Amino acid sequence: MAVTDRVRAGVLFDLYGPLLTDHQQDVWQLYYLEDWSLAEIGAAKSVSRAAIHDVLDRTLGILEEFESHLGLLDQWQTRRKRLRELVRLAGLLPAHCENAKTICAYVNEWADEEGLGDV
């Protein structure tokens, strides 16, 4: 799995992880967040390495299916793009513009509320 794929998978888990079973969440967290090997997880769960691999594959498929139906990641990316553009445009307002500071403050506050303060 490429780095960008791992990042996408991580974001999908952040968005949809609570919809998974406890077992799926646990295996996912051990593998992706705790950096356990398939063999280590298999030993801890008393199943084979292949079984853990299957759980991870099925879980990723479920996360992708949630995204295809709900589109939260796509919506988040669209909001992020729009906020980035608003921040850029707000920064172009002339300093003497009466509302420039207020507009910039509102845009930055909105970005922070959306968890997008790094735009």
PDB file of N, CA and C in Angstrom:
ATOM      1  N   MET A   1       0.855  -1.184   0.000  1.00  0.00           N
ATOM      2  CA  MET A   1       0.000   0.000   0.000  1.00  0.00           C
ATOM      3  C   MET A   1       0.894   1.237   0.000  1.00  0.00           C
ATOM      4  N   ALA A   2       0.683   2.125  -0.948  1.00  0.00           N
ATOM      5  CA  ALA A   2       1.466   3.355  -1.051  1.00  0.00           C
ATOM      6  C   ALA A   2       1.137   4.280   0.118  1.00  0.00           C
ATOM      7  N   VAL A   3       2.042   5.232   0.353  1.00  0.00           N
ATOM      8  CA  VAL A   3       1.862   6.168   1.468  1.00  0.00           C
ATOM      9  C   VAL A   3       0.539   6.913   1.340  1.00  0.00           C
ATOM     10  N   THR A   4       0.213   7.397   0.134  1.00  0.00           N
ATOM     11  CA  THR A   4      -1.042   8.128  -0.040  1.00  0.00           C
ATOM     12  C   THR A   4      -2.240   7.222   0.213  1.00  0.00           C
ATOM     13  N   ASP A   5      -2.126   5.946  -0.149  1.00  0.00           N
ATOM     14  CA  ASP A   5      -3.199   4.997   0.132  1.00  0.00           C
ATOM     15  C   ASP A   5      -3.354   4.782   1.632  1.00  0.00           C
ATOM     16  N   ARG A   6      -2.235   4.711   2.343  1.00  0.00           N
ATOM     17  CA  ARG A   6      -2.275   4.542   3.802  1.00  0.00           C
ATOM     18  C   ARG A   6      -2.891   5.768   4.459  1.00  0.00           C
ATOM     19  N   VAL A   7      -2.561   6.942   3.946  1.00  0.00           N
ATOM     20  CA  VAL A   7      -3.131   8.177   4.500  1.00  0.00           C
ATOM     21  C   VAL A   7      -4.640   8.184   4.274  1.00  0.00           C
ATOM     22  N   ARG A   8      -5.055   7.851   3.041  1.00  0.00           N
ATOM     23  CA  ARG A   8      -6.495   7.791   2.732  1.00  0.00           C
ATOM     24  C   ARG A   8      -7.178   6.781   3.648  1.00  0.00           C
ATOM     25  N   ALA A   9      -6.583   5.612   3.801  1.00  0.00           N
ATOM     26  CA  ALA A   9      -7.164   4.583   4.657  1.00  0.00           C
ATOM     27  C   ALA A   9      -7.289   5.092   6.093  1.00  0.00           C
ATOM     28  N   GLY A  10      -6.286   5.804   6.558  1.00  0.00           N
ATOM     29  CA  GLY A  10      -6.328   6.352   7.912  1.00  0.00           C
ATOM     30  C   GLY A  10      -7.435   7.378   8.087  1.00  0.00           C
ATOM     31  N   VAL A  11      -7.596   8.237   7.094  1.00  0.00           N
ATOM     32  CA  VAL A  11      -8.659   9.247   7.159  1.00  0.00           C
ATOM     33  C   VAL A  11     -10.029   8.570   7.095  1.00  0.00           C
ATOM     34  N   LEU A  12     -10.163   7.564   6.235  1.00  0.00           N
ATOM     35  CA  LEU A  12     -11.429   6.828   6.177  1.00  0.00           C
ATOM     36  C   LEU A  12     -11.747   6.180   7.520  1.00  0.00           C
ATOM     37  N   PHE A  13     -10.715   5.634   8.169  1.00  0.00           N
ATOM     38  CA  PHE A  13     -10.931   5.032   9.489  1.00  0.00           C
ATOM     39  C   PHE A  13     -11.351   6.100  10.496  1.00  0.00           C
ATOM     40  N   ASP A  14     -10.716   7.273  10.432  1.00  0.00           N
ATOM     41  CA  ASP A  14     -11.104   8.354  11.342  1.00  0.00           C
ATOM     42  C   ASP A  14     -12.572   8.735  11.154  1.00  0.00           C
ATOM     43  N   LEU A  15     -13.016   8.755   9.904  1.00  0.00           N
ATOM     44  CA  LEU A  15     -14.393   9.147   9.604  1.00  0.00           C
ATOM     45  C   LEU A  15     -15.407   8.050   9.935  1.00  0.00           C
ATOM     46  N   TYR A  16     -15.097   6.830   9.560  1.00  0.00           N
ATOM     47  CA  TYR A  16     -16.079   5.755   9.612  1.00  0.00           C
ATOM     48  C   TYR A  16     -15.755   4.646  10.611  1.00  0.00           C
ATOM     49  N   GLY A  17     -14.622   4.728  11.279  1.00  0.00           N
ATOM     50  CA  GLY A  17     -14.214   3.678  12.212  1.00  0.00           C
ATOM     51  C   GLY A  17     -15.270   3.286  13.232  1.00  0.00           C
ATOM     52  N   PRO A  18     -15.995   4.253  13.804  1.00  0.00           N
ATOM     53  CA  PRO A  18     -17.016   3.879  14.793  1.00  0.00           C
ATOM     54  C   PRO A  18     -18.137   3.001  14.226  1.00  0.00           C
ATOM     55  N   LEU A  19     -18.261   2.942  12.913  1.00  0.00           N
ATOM     56  CA  LEU A  19     -19.296   2.104  12.294  1.00  0.00           C
ATOM     57  C   LEU A  19     -18.848   0.655  12.139  1.00  0.00           C
ATOM     58  N   LEU A  20     -17.584   0.387  12.373  1.00  0.00           N
ATOM     59  CA  LEU A  20     -17.042  -0.964  12.259  1.00  0.00           C
ATOM     60  C   LEU A  20     -17.310  -1.754  13.537  1.00  0.00           C
ATOM     61  N   THR A  21     -17.158  -3.069  13.445  1.00  0.00           N
ATOM     62  CA  THR A  21     -17.279  -3.897  14.647  1.00  0.00           C
ATOM     63  C   THR A  21     -16.088  -3.635  15.557  1.00  0.00           C
ATOM     64  N   ASP A  22     -16.220  -4.001  16.806  1.00  0.00           N
ATOM     65  CA  ASP A  22     -15.111  -3.834  17.750  1.00  0.00           C
ATOM     66  C   ASP A  22     -13.881  -4.604  17.276  1.00  0.00           C
ATOM     67  N   HIS A  23     -14.094  -5.803  16.760  1.00  0.00           N
ATOM     68  CA  HIS A  23     -12.984  -6.631  16.279  1.00  0.00           C
ATOM     69  C   HIS A  23     -12.260  -5.936  15.125  1.00  0.00           C
ATOM     70  N   GLN A  24     -13.020  -5.416  14.160  1.00  0.00           N
ATOM     71  CA  GLN A  24     -12.405  -4.718  13.025  1.00  0.00           C
ATOM     72  C   GLN A  24     -11.617  -3.489  13.501  1.00  0.00           C
ATOM     73  N   GLN A  25     -12.203  -2.735  14.406  1.00  0.00           N
ATOM     74  CA  GLN A  25     -11.523  -1.553  14.938  1.00  0.00           C
ATOM     75  C   GLN A  25     -10.229  -1.939  15.646  1.00  0.00           C
ATOM     76  N   ASP A  26     -10.299  -2.983  16.456  1.00  0.00           N
ATOM     77  CA  ASP A  26      -9.140  -3.422  17.230  1.00  0.00           C
ATOM     78  C   ASP A  26      -8.005  -3.867  16.315  1.00  0.00           C
ATOM     79  N   VAL A  27      -8.319  -4.711  15.330  1.00  0.00           N
ATOM     80  CA  VAL A  27      -7.296  -5.198  14.399  1.00  0.00           C
ATOM     81  C   VAL A  27      -6.701  -4.030  13.619  1.00  0.00           C
ATOM     82  N   TRP A  28      -7.550  -3.134  13.151  1.00  0.00           N
ATOM     83  CA  TRP A  28      -7.090  -1.964  12.388  1.00  0.00           C
ATOM     84  C   TRP A  28      -6.131  -1.118  13.227  1.00  0.00           C
ATOM     85  N   GLN A  29      -6.520  -0.840  14.458  1.00  0.00           N
ATOM     86  CA  GLN A  29      -5.687  -0.014  15.327  1.00  0.00           C
ATOM     87  C   GLN A  29      -4.354  -0.677  15.644  1.00  0.00           C
ATOM     88  N   LEU A  30      -4.386  -1.968  15.901  1.00  0.00           N
ATOM     89  CA  LEU A  30      -3.135  -2.675  16.185  1.00  0.00           C
ATOM     90  C   LEU A  30      -2.197  -2.621  14.984  1.00  0.00           C
ATOM     91  N   TYR A  31      -2.736  -2.819  13.803  1.00  0.00           N
ATOM     92  CA  TYR A  31      -1.903  -2.871  12.607  1.00  0.00           C
ATOM     93  C   TYR A  31      -1.440  -1.475  12.163  1.00  0.00           C
ATOM     94  N   TYR A  32      -2.370  -0.546  12.019  1.00  0.00           N
ATOM     95  CA  TYR A  32      -2.031   0.763  11.451  1.00  0.00           C
ATOM     96  C   TYR A  32      -1.543   1.773  12.478  1.00  0.00           C
ATOM     97  N   LEU A  33      -2.071   1.709  13.692  1.00  0.00           N
ATOM     98  CA  LEU A  33      -1.694   2.714  14.684  1.00  0.00           C
ATOM     99  C   LEU A  33      -0.616   2.232  15.646  1.00  0.00           C
ATOM    100  N   GLU A  34      -0.684   0.966  16.021  1.00  0.00           N
ATOM    101  CA  GLU A  34       0.295   0.417  16.961  1.00  0.00           C
ATOM    102  C   GLU A  34       1.477  -0.232  16.245  1.00  0.00           C
ATOM    103  N   ASP A  35       1.359  -0.404  14.935  1.00  0.00           N
ATOM    104  CA  ASP A  35       2.412  -0.961  14.085  1.00  0.00           C
ATOM    105  C   ASP A  35       2.768  -2.403  14.446  1.00  0.00           C
ATOM    106  N   TRP A  36       1.765  -3.185  14.832  1.00  0.00           N
ATOM    107  CA  TRP A  36       1.970  -4.606  15.076  1.00  0.00           C
ATOM    108  C   TRP A  36       2.034  -5.323  13.731  1.00  0.00           C
ATOM    109  N   SER A  37       2.736  -6.416  13.678  1.00  0.00           N
ATOM    110  CA  SER A  37       2.770  -7.228  12.461  1.00  0.00           C
ATOM    111  C   SER A  37       1.515  -8.092  12.402  1.00  0.00           C
ATOM    112  N   LEU A  38       1.256  -8.636  11.225  1.00  0.00           N
ATOM    113  CA  LEU A  38       0.115  -9.540  11.068  1.00  0.00           C
ATOM    114  C   LEU A  38       0.259 -10.747  11.990  1.00  0.00           C
ATOM    115  N   ALA A  39       1.484 -11.268  12.079  1.00  0.00           N
ATOM    116  CA  ALA A  39       1.744 -12.431  12.927  1.00  0.00           C
ATOM    117  C   ALA A  39       1.487 -12.101  14.404  1.00  0.00           C
ATOM    118  N   GLU A  40       1.914 -10.922  14.848  1.00  0.00           N
ATOM    119  CA  GLU A  40       1.700 -10.528  16.246  1.00  0.00           C
ATOM    120  C   GLU A  40       0.207 -10.403  16.556  1.00  0.00           C
ATOM    121  N   ILE A  41      -0.531  -9.793  15.648  1.00  0.00           N
ATOM    122  CA  ILE A  41      -1.972  -9.647  15.866  1.00  0.00           C
ATOM    123  C   ILE A  41      -2.640 -11.018  15.856  1.00  0.00           C
ATOM    124  N   GLY A  42      -2.228 -11.859  14.892  1.00  0.00           N
ATOM    125  CA  GLY A  42      -2.782 -13.207  14.823  1.00  0.00           C
ATOM    126  C   GLY A  42      -2.553 -13.983  16.100  1.00  0.00           C
ATOM    127  N   ALA A  43      -1.342 -13.880  16.647  1.00  0.00           N
ATOM    128  CA  ALA A  43      -1.031 -14.581  17.895  1.00  0.00           C
ATOM    129  C   ALA A  43      -1.885 -14.041  19.051  1.00  0.00           C
ATOM    130  N   ALA A  44      -2.049 -12.726  19.100  1.00  0.00           N
ATOM    131  CA  ALA A  44      -2.843 -12.123  20.174  1.00  0.00           C
ATOM    132  C   ALA A  44      -4.322 -12.483  20.060  1.00  0.00           C
ATOM    133  N   LYS A  45      -4.795 -12.667  18.842  1.00  0.00           N
ATOM    134  CA  LYS A  45      -6.207 -12.976  18.612  1.00  0.00           C
ATOM    135  C   LYS A  45      -6.460 -14.479  18.436  1.00  0.00           C
ATOM    136  N   SER A  46      -5.406 -15.262  18.501  1.00  0.00           N
ATOM    137  CA  SER A  46      -5.488 -16.716  18.324  1.00  0.00           C
ATOM    138  C   SER A  46      -6.064 -17.115  16.968  1.00  0.00           C
ATOM    139  N   VAL A  47      -5.612 -16.405  15.945  1.00  0.00           N
ATOM    140  CA  VAL A  47      -5.993 -16.724  14.564  1.00  0.00           C
ATOM    141  C   VAL A  47      -4.739 -16.642  13.703  1.00  0.00           C
ATOM    142  N   SER A  48      -4.863 -17.057  12.457  1.00  0.00           N
ATOM    143  CA  SER A  48      -3.701 -17.044  11.574  1.00  0.00           C
ATOM    144  C   SER A  48      -3.388 -15.639  11.065  1.00  0.00           C
ATOM    145  N   ARG A  49      -2.189 -15.498  10.593  1.00  0.00           N
ATOM    146  CA  ARG A  49      -1.739 -14.261   9.966  1.00  0.00           C
ATOM    147  C   ARG A  49      -2.633 -13.940   8.766  1.00  0.00           C
ATOM    148  N   ALA A  50      -2.984 -14.981   8.016  1.00  0.00           N
ATOM    149  CA  ALA A  50      -3.845 -14.814   6.835  1.00  0.00           C
ATOM    150  C   ALA A  50      -5.232 -14.305   7.226  1.00  0.00           C
ATOM    151  N   ALA A  51      -5.734 -14.761   8.355  1.00  0.00           N
ATOM    152  CA  ALA A  51      -7.050 -14.307   8.823  1.00  0.00           C
ATOM    153  C   ALA A  51      -7.017 -12.814   9.140  1.00  0.00           C
ATOM    154  N   ILE A  52      -5.927 -12.361   9.743  1.00  0.00           N
ATOM    155  CA  ILE A  52      -5.781 -10.937  10.059  1.00  0.00           C
ATOM    156  C   ILE A  52      -5.692 -10.135   8.769  1.00  0.00           C
ATOM    157  N   HIS A  53      -4.934 -10.651   7.811  1.00  0.00           N
ATOM    158  CA  HIS A  53      -4.831  -9.979   6.504  1.00  0.00           C
ATOM    159  C   HIS A  53      -6.206  -9.844   5.867  1.00  0.00           C
ATOM    160  N   ASP A  54      -7.008 -10.887   5.935  1.00  0.00           N
ATOM    161  CA  ASP A  54      -8.362 -10.854   5.384  1.00  0.00           C
ATOM    162  C   ASP A  54      -9.233  -9.825   6.101  1.00  0.00           C
ATOM    163  N   VAL A  55      -9.120  -9.752   7.420  1.00  0.00           N
ATOM    164  CA  VAL A  55      -9.897  -8.763   8.188  1.00  0.00           C
ATOM    165  C   VAL A  55      -9.526  -7.352   7.741  1.00  0.00           C
ATOM    166  N   LEU A  56      -8.236  -7.112   7.585  1.00  0.00           N
ATOM    167  CA  LEU A  56      -7.798  -5.777   7.168  1.00  0.00           C
ATOM    168  C   LEU A  56      -8.285  -5.441   5.758  1.00  0.00           C
ATOM    169  N   ASP A  57      -8.203  -6.399   4.848  1.00  0.00           N
ATOM    170  CA  ASP A  57      -8.690  -6.182   3.477  1.00  0.00           C
ATOM    171  C   ASP A  57     -10.194  -5.921   3.453  1.00  0.00           C
ATOM    172  N   ARG A  58     -10.933  -6.740   4.168  1.00  0.00           N
ATOM    173  CA  ARG A  58     -12.394  -6.562   4.204  1.00  0.00           C
ATOM    174  C   ARG A  58     -12.752  -5.232   4.863  1.00  0.00           C
ATOM    175  N   THR A  59     -12.033  -4.873   5.899  1.00  0.00           N
ATOM    176  CA  THR A  59     -12.304  -3.621   6.601  1.00  0.00           C
ATOM    177  C   THR A  59     -12.056  -2.427   5.681  1.00  0.00           C
ATOM    178  N   LEU A  60     -10.956  -2.455   4.938  1.00  0.00           N
ATOM    179  CA  LEU A  60     -10.697  -1.375   3.988  1.00  0.00           C
ATOM    180  C   LEU A  60     -11.808  -1.305   2.946  1.00  0.00           C
ATOM    181  N   GLY A  61     -12.265  -2.443   2.471  1.00  0.00           N
ATOM    182  CA  GLY A  61     -13.373  -2.469   1.519  1.00  0.00           C
ATOM    183  C   GLY A  61     -14.639  -1.862   2.101  1.00  0.00           C
ATOM    184  N   ILE A  62     -14.912  -2.163   3.361  1.00  0.00           N
ATOM    185  CA  ILE A  62     -16.089  -1.608   4.045  1.00  0.00           C
ATOM    186  C   ILE A  62     -15.951  -0.095   4.169  1.00  0.00           C
ATOM    187  N   LEU A  63     -14.759   0.374   4.564  1.00  0.00           N
ATOM    188  CA  LEU A  63     -14.533   1.814   4.688  1.00  0.00           C
ATOM    189  C   LEU A  63     -14.728   2.520   3.349  1.00  0.00           C
ATOM    190  N   GLU A  64     -14.209   1.916   2.279  1.00  0.00           N
ATOM    191  CA  GLU A  64     -14.371   2.504   0.945  1.00  0.00           C
ATOM    192  C   GLU A  64     -15.846   2.508   0.525  1.00  0.00           C
ATOM    193  N   GLU A  65     -16.574   1.465   0.915  1.00  0.00           N
ATOM    194  CA  GLU A  65     -18.000   1.424   0.587  1.00  0.00           C
ATOM    195  C   GLU A  65     -18.766   2.504   1.345  1.00  0.00           C
ATOM    196  N   PHE A  66     -18.440   2.690   2.621  1.00  0.00           N
ATOM    197  CA  PHE A  66     -19.062   3.782   3.379  1.00  0.00           C
ATOM    198  C   PHE A  66     -18.818   5.111   2.660  1.00  0.00           C
ATOM    199  N   GLU A  67     -17.583   5.318   2.227  1.00  0.00           N
ATOM    200  CA  GLU A  67     -17.245   6.574   1.546  1.00  0.00           C
ATOM    201  C   GLU A  67     -18.012   6.707   0.235  1.00  0.00           C
ATOM    202  N   SER A  68     -18.160   5.620  -0.503  1.00  0.00           N
ATOM    203  CA  SER A  68     -18.875   5.707  -1.784  1.00  0.00           C
ATOM    204  C   SER A  68     -20.343   6.073  -1.572  1.00  0.00           C
ATOM    205  N   HIS A  69     -20.912   5.688  -0.437  1.00  0.00           N
ATOM    206  CA  HIS A  69     -22.318   6.000  -0.153  1.00  0.00           C
ATOM    207  C   HIS A  69     -22.487   7.351   0.537  1.00  0.00           C
ATOM    208  N   LEU A  70     -21.589   7.676   1.442  1.00  0.00           N
ATOM    209  CA  LEU A  70     -21.754   8.884   2.262  1.00  0.00           C
ATOM    210  C   LEU A  70     -20.920  10.068   1.786  1.00  0.00           C
ATOM    211  N   GLY A  71     -19.744   9.814   1.235  1.00  0.00           N
ATOM    212  CA  GLY A  71     -18.915  10.866   0.659  1.00  0.00           C
ATOM    213  C   GLY A  71     -18.343  11.881   1.626  1.00  0.00           C
ATOM    214  N   LEU A  72     -18.148  11.498   2.883  1.00  0.00           N
ATOM    215  CA  LEU A  72     -17.628  12.458   3.861  1.00  0.00           C
ATOM    216  C   LEU A  72     -16.214  12.926   3.541  1.00  0.00           C
ATOM    217  N   LEU A  73     -15.379  12.029   3.058  1.00  0.00           N
ATOM    218  CA  LEU A  73     -14.012  12.410   2.707  1.00  0.00           C
ATOM    219  C   LEU A  73     -14.018  13.387   1.537  1.00  0.00           C
ATOM    220  N   ASP A  74     -14.821  13.116   0.526  1.00  0.00           N
ATOM    221  CA  ASP A  74     -14.912  14.028  -0.610  1.00  0.00           C
ATOM    222  C   ASP A  74     -15.417  15.400  -0.170  1.00  0.00           C
ATOM    223  N   GLN A  75     -16.424  15.412   0.701  1.00  0.00           N
ATOM    224  CA  GLN A  75     -16.951  16.683   1.205  1.00  0.00           C
ATOM    225  C   GLN A  75     -15.886  17.439   1.983  1.00  0.00           C
ATOM    226  N   TRP A  76     -15.130  16.727   2.811  1.00  0.00           N
ATOM    227  CA  TRP A  76     -14.070  17.346   3.606  1.00  0.00           C
ATOM    228  C   TRP A  76     -13.013  17.961   2.692  1.00  0.00           C
ATOM    229  N   GLN A  77     -12.637  17.220   1.643  1.00  0.00           N
ATOM    230  CA  GLN A  77     -11.630  17.726   0.710  1.00  0.00           C
ATOM    231  C   GLN A  77     -12.141  18.955  -0.030  1.00  0.00           C
ATOM    232  N   THR A  78     -13.425  18.978  -0.389  1.00  0.00           N
ATOM    233  CA  THR A  78     -14.011  20.142  -1.056  1.00  0.00           C
ATOM    234  C   THR A  78     -14.018  21.344  -0.122  1.00  0.00           C
ATOM    235  N   ARG A  79     -14.438  21.138   1.140  1.00  0.00           N
ATOM    236  CA  ARG A  79     -14.417  22.241   2.116  1.00  0.00           C
ATOM    237  C   ARG A  79     -13.008  22.771   2.297  1.00  0.00           C
ATOM    238  N   ARG A  80     -12.045  21.880   2.390  1.00  0.00           N
ATOM    239  CA  ARG A  80     -10.646  22.272   2.577  1.00  0.00           C
ATOM    240  C   ARG A  80     -10.167  23.123   1.401  1.00  0.00           C
ATOM    241  N   LYS A  81     -10.506  22.706   0.189  1.00  0.00           N
ATOM    242  CA  LYS A  81     -10.113  23.457  -1.008  1.00  0.00           C
ATOM    243  C   LYS A  81     -10.745  24.852  -1.018  1.00  0.00           C
ATOM    244  N   ARG A  82     -12.031  24.908  -0.682  1.00  0.00           N
ATOM    245  CA  ARG A  82     -12.726  26.197  -0.657  1.00  0.00           C
ATOM    246  C   ARG A  82     -12.194  27.104   0.440  1.00  0.00           C
ATOM    247  N   LEU A  83     -11.931  26.539   1.596  1.00  0.00           N
ATOM    248  CA  LEU A  83     -11.379  27.354   2.683  1.00  0.00           C
ATOM    249  C   LEU A  83      -9.992  27.877   2.329  1.00  0.00           C
ATOM    250  N   ARG A  84      -9.181  27.042   1.691  1.00  0.00           N
ATOM    251  CA  ARG A  84      -7.854  27.484   1.261  1.00  0.00           C
ATOM    252  C   ARG A  84      -7.984  28.678   0.320  1.00  0.00           C
ATOM    253  N   GLU A  85      -8.941  28.617  -0.598  1.00  0.00           N
ATOM    254  CA  GLU A  85      -9.156  29.714  -1.536  1.00  0.00           C
ATOM    255  C   GLU A  85      -9.681  30.955  -0.812  1.00  0.00           C
ATOM    256  N   LEU A  86     -10.585  30.782   0.149  1.00  0.00           N
ATOM    257  CA  LEU A  86     -11.072  31.924   0.934  1.00  0.00           C
ATOM    258  C   LEU A  86      -9.952  32.589   1.716  1.00  0.00           C
ATOM    259  N   VAL A  87      -9.085  31.792   2.316  1.00  0.00           N
ATOM    260  CA  VAL A  87      -7.945  32.358   3.050  1.00  0.00           C
ATOM    261  C   VAL A  87      -7.064  33.162   2.100  1.00  0.00           C
ATOM    262  N   ARG A  88      -6.823  32.610   0.904  1.00  0.00           N
ATOM    263  CA  ARG A  88      -6.002  33.309  -0.082  1.00  0.00           C
ATOM    264  C   ARG A  88      -6.659  34.631  -0.499  1.00  0.00           C
ATOM    265  N   LEU A  89      -7.942  34.577  -0.807  1.00  0.00           N
ATOM    266  CA  LEU A  89      -8.651  35.780  -1.250  1.00  0.00           C
ATOM    267  C   LEU A  89      -8.753  36.823  -0.140  1.00  0.00           C
ATOM    268  N   ALA A  90      -8.991  36.354   1.087  1.00  0.00           N
ATOM    269  CA  ALA A  90      -9.061  37.285   2.212  1.00  0.00           C
ATOM    270  C   ALA A  90      -7.728  37.990   2.407  1.00  0.00           C
ATOM    271  N   GLY A  91      -6.648  37.277   2.168  1.00  0.00           N
ATOM    272  CA  GLY A  91      -5.317  37.875   2.293  1.00  0.00           C
ATOM    273  C   GLY A  91      -5.030  38.917   1.228  1.00  0.00           C
ATOM    274  N   LEU A  92      -5.781  38.911   0.137  1.00  0.00           N
ATOM    275  CA  LEU A  92      -5.601  39.884  -0.940  1.00  0.00           C
ATOM    276  C   LEU A  92      -6.391  41.167  -0.723  1.00  0.00           C
ATOM    277  N   LEU A  93      -7.278  41.162   0.285  1.00  0.00           N
ATOM    278  CA  LEU A  93      -8.050  42.370   0.552  1.00  0.00           C
ATOM    279  C   LEU A  93      -7.107  43.496   0.967  1.00  0.00           C
ATOM    280  N   PRO A  94      -7.369  44.693   0.471  1.00  0.00           N
ATOM    281  CA  PRO A  94      -6.500  45.814   0.848  1.00  0.00           C
ATOM    282  C   PRO A  94      -6.575  46.078   2.350  1.00  0.00           C
ATOM    283  N   ALA A  95      -5.455  46.414   2.915  1.00  0.00           N
ATOM    284  CA  ALA A  95      -5.378  46.637   4.362  1.00  0.00           C
ATOM    285  C   ALA A  95      -6.314  47.754   4.809  1.00  0.00           C
ATOM    286  N   HIS A  96      -6.556  48.708   3.933  1.00  0.00           N
ATOM    287  CA  HIS A  96      -7.423  49.823   4.307  1.00  0.00           C
ATOM    288  C   HIS A  96      -8.915  49.479   4.193  1.00  0.00           C
ATOM    289  N   CYS A  97      -9.213  48.312   3.663  1.00  0.00           N
ATOM    290  CA  CYS A  97     -10.600  47.862   3.553  1.00  0.00           C
ATOM    291  C   CYS A  97     -11.178  47.732   4.961  1.00  0.00           C
ATOM    292  N   GLU A  98     -12.314  48.373   5.169  1.00  0.00           N
ATOM    293  CA  GLU A  98     -12.924  48.460   6.493  1.00  0.00           C
ATOM    294  C   GLU A  98     -13.157  47.105   7.153  1.00  0.00           C
ATOM    295  N   ASN A  99     -13.538  46.106   6.370  1.00  0.00           N
ATOM    296  CA  ASN A  99     -13.895  44.805   6.924  1.00  0.00           C
ATOM    297  C   ASN A  99     -12.831  43.726   6.715  1.00  0.00           C
ATOM    298  N   ALA A 100     -11.674  44.077   6.189  1.00  0.00           N
ATOM    299  CA  ALA A 100     -10.654  43.079   5.855  1.00  0.00           C
ATOM    300  C   ALA A 100     -10.258  42.233   7.057  1.00  0.00           C
ATOM    301  N   LYS A 101      -9.977  42.859   8.183  1.00  0.00           N
ATOM    302  CA  LYS A 101      -9.551  42.102   9.366  1.00  0.00           C
ATOM    303  C   LYS A 101     -10.666  41.200   9.878  1.00  0.00           C
ATOM    304  N   THR A 102     -11.887  41.695   9.836  1.00  0.00           N
ATOM    305  CA  THR A 102     -13.025  40.900  10.294  1.00  0.00           C
ATOM    306  C   THR A 102     -13.230  39.697   9.385  1.00  0.00           C
ATOM    307  N   ILE A 103     -13.165  39.917   8.079  1.00  0.00           N
ATOM    308  CA  ILE A 103     -13.330  38.824   7.120  1.00  0.00           C
ATOM    309  C   ILE A 103     -12.249  37.773   7.334  1.00  0.00           C
ATOM    310  N   CYS A 104     -11.007  38.198   7.444  1.00  0.00           N
ATOM    311  CA  CYS A 104      -9.896  37.259   7.674  1.00  0.00           C
ATOM    312  C   CYS A 104     -10.100  36.485   8.972  1.00  0.00           C
ATOM    313  N   ALA A 105     -10.529  37.172  10.016  1.00  0.00           N
ATOM    314  CA  ALA A 105     -10.746  36.509  11.309  1.00  0.00           C
ATOM    315  C   ALA A 105     -11.852  35.461  11.193  1.00  0.00           C
ATOM    316  N   TYR A 106     -12.946  35.791  10.519  1.00  0.00           N
ATOM    317  CA  TYR A 106     -14.048  34.847  10.360  1.00  0.00           C
ATOM    318  C   TYR A 106     -13.629  33.627   9.535  1.00  0.00           C
ATOM    319  N   VAL A 107     -12.905  33.870   8.470  1.00  0.00           N
ATOM    320  CA  VAL A 107     -12.459  32.759   7.619  1.00  0.00           C
ATOM    321  C   VAL A 107     -11.528  31.841   8.403  1.00  0.00           C
ATOM    322  N   ASN A 108     -10.585  32.419   9.134  1.00  0.00           N
ATOM    323  CA  ASN A 108      -9.657  31.606   9.926  1.00  0.00           C
ATOM    324  C   ASN A 108     -10.371  30.878  11.066  1.00  0.00           C
ATOM    325  N   GLU A 109     -11.345  31.530  11.680  1.00  0.00           N
ATOM    326  CA  GLU A 109     -12.121  30.884  12.746  1.00  0.00           C
ATOM    327  C   GLU A 109     -12.913  29.699  12.182  1.00  0.00           C
ATOM    328  N   TRP A 110     -13.507  29.886  11.020  1.00  0.00           N
ATOM    329  CA  TRP A 110     -14.267  28.822  10.376  1.00  0.00           C
ATOM    330  C   TRP A 110     -13.354  27.644  10.048  1.00  0.00           C
ATOM    331  N   ALA A 111     -12.178  27.940   9.520  1.00  0.00           N
ATOM    332  CA  ALA A 111     -11.220  26.886   9.200  1.00  0.00           C
ATOM    333  C   ALA A 111     -10.841  26.108  10.460  1.00  0.00           C
ATOM    334  N   ASP A 112     -10.602  26.823  11.562  1.00  0.00           N
ATOM    335  CA  ASP A 112     -10.261  26.153  12.815  1.00  0.00           C
ATOM    336  C   ASP A 112     -11.410  25.270  13.315  1.00  0.00           C
ATOM    337  N   GLU A 113     -12.642  25.774  13.217  1.00  0.00           N
ATOM    338  CA  GLU A 113     -13.803  24.992  13.652  1.00  0.00           C
ATOM    339  C   GLU A 113     -13.966  23.723  12.827  1.00  0.00           C
ATOM    340  N   GLU A 114     -13.596  23.778  11.576  1.00  0.00           N
ATOM    341  CA  GLU A 114     -13.700  22.628  10.693  1.00  0.00           C
ATOM    342  C   GLU A 114     -12.507  21.676  10.852  1.00  0.00           C
ATOM    343  N   GLY A 115     -11.580  22.047  11.733  1.00  0.00           N
ATOM    344  CA  GLY A 115     -10.393  21.234  11.905  1.00  0.00           C
ATOM    345  C   GLY A 115      -9.428  21.398  10.738  1.00  0.00           C
ATOM    346  N   LEU A 116      -9.550  22.515  10.054  1.00  0.00           N
ATOM    347  CA  LEU A 116      -8.735  22.785   8.877  1.00  0.00           C
ATOM    348  C   LEU A 116      -7.881  24.023   9.086  1.00  0.00           C
ATOM    349  N   GLY A 117      -7.417  24.235  10.286  1.00  0.00           N
ATOM    350  CA  GLY A 117      -6.621  25.406  10.592  1.00  0.00           C
ATOM    351  C   GLY A 117      -5.315  25.481   9.832  1.00  0.00           C
ATOM    352  N   ASP A 118      -4.908  24.379   9.194  1.00  0.00           N
ATOM    353  CA  ASP A 118      -3.639  24.378   8.471  1.00  0.00           C
ATOM    354  C   ASP A 118      -3.797  24.762   7.014  1.00  0.00           C
ATOM    355  N   VAL A 119      -4.996  25.224   6.593  1.00  0.00           N
ATOM    356  CA  VAL A 119      -5.167  25.597   5.193  1.00  0.00           C
ATOM    357  C   VAL A 119      -4.460  26.910   4.972  1.00  0.00           C
TER     358      VAL A 119
END
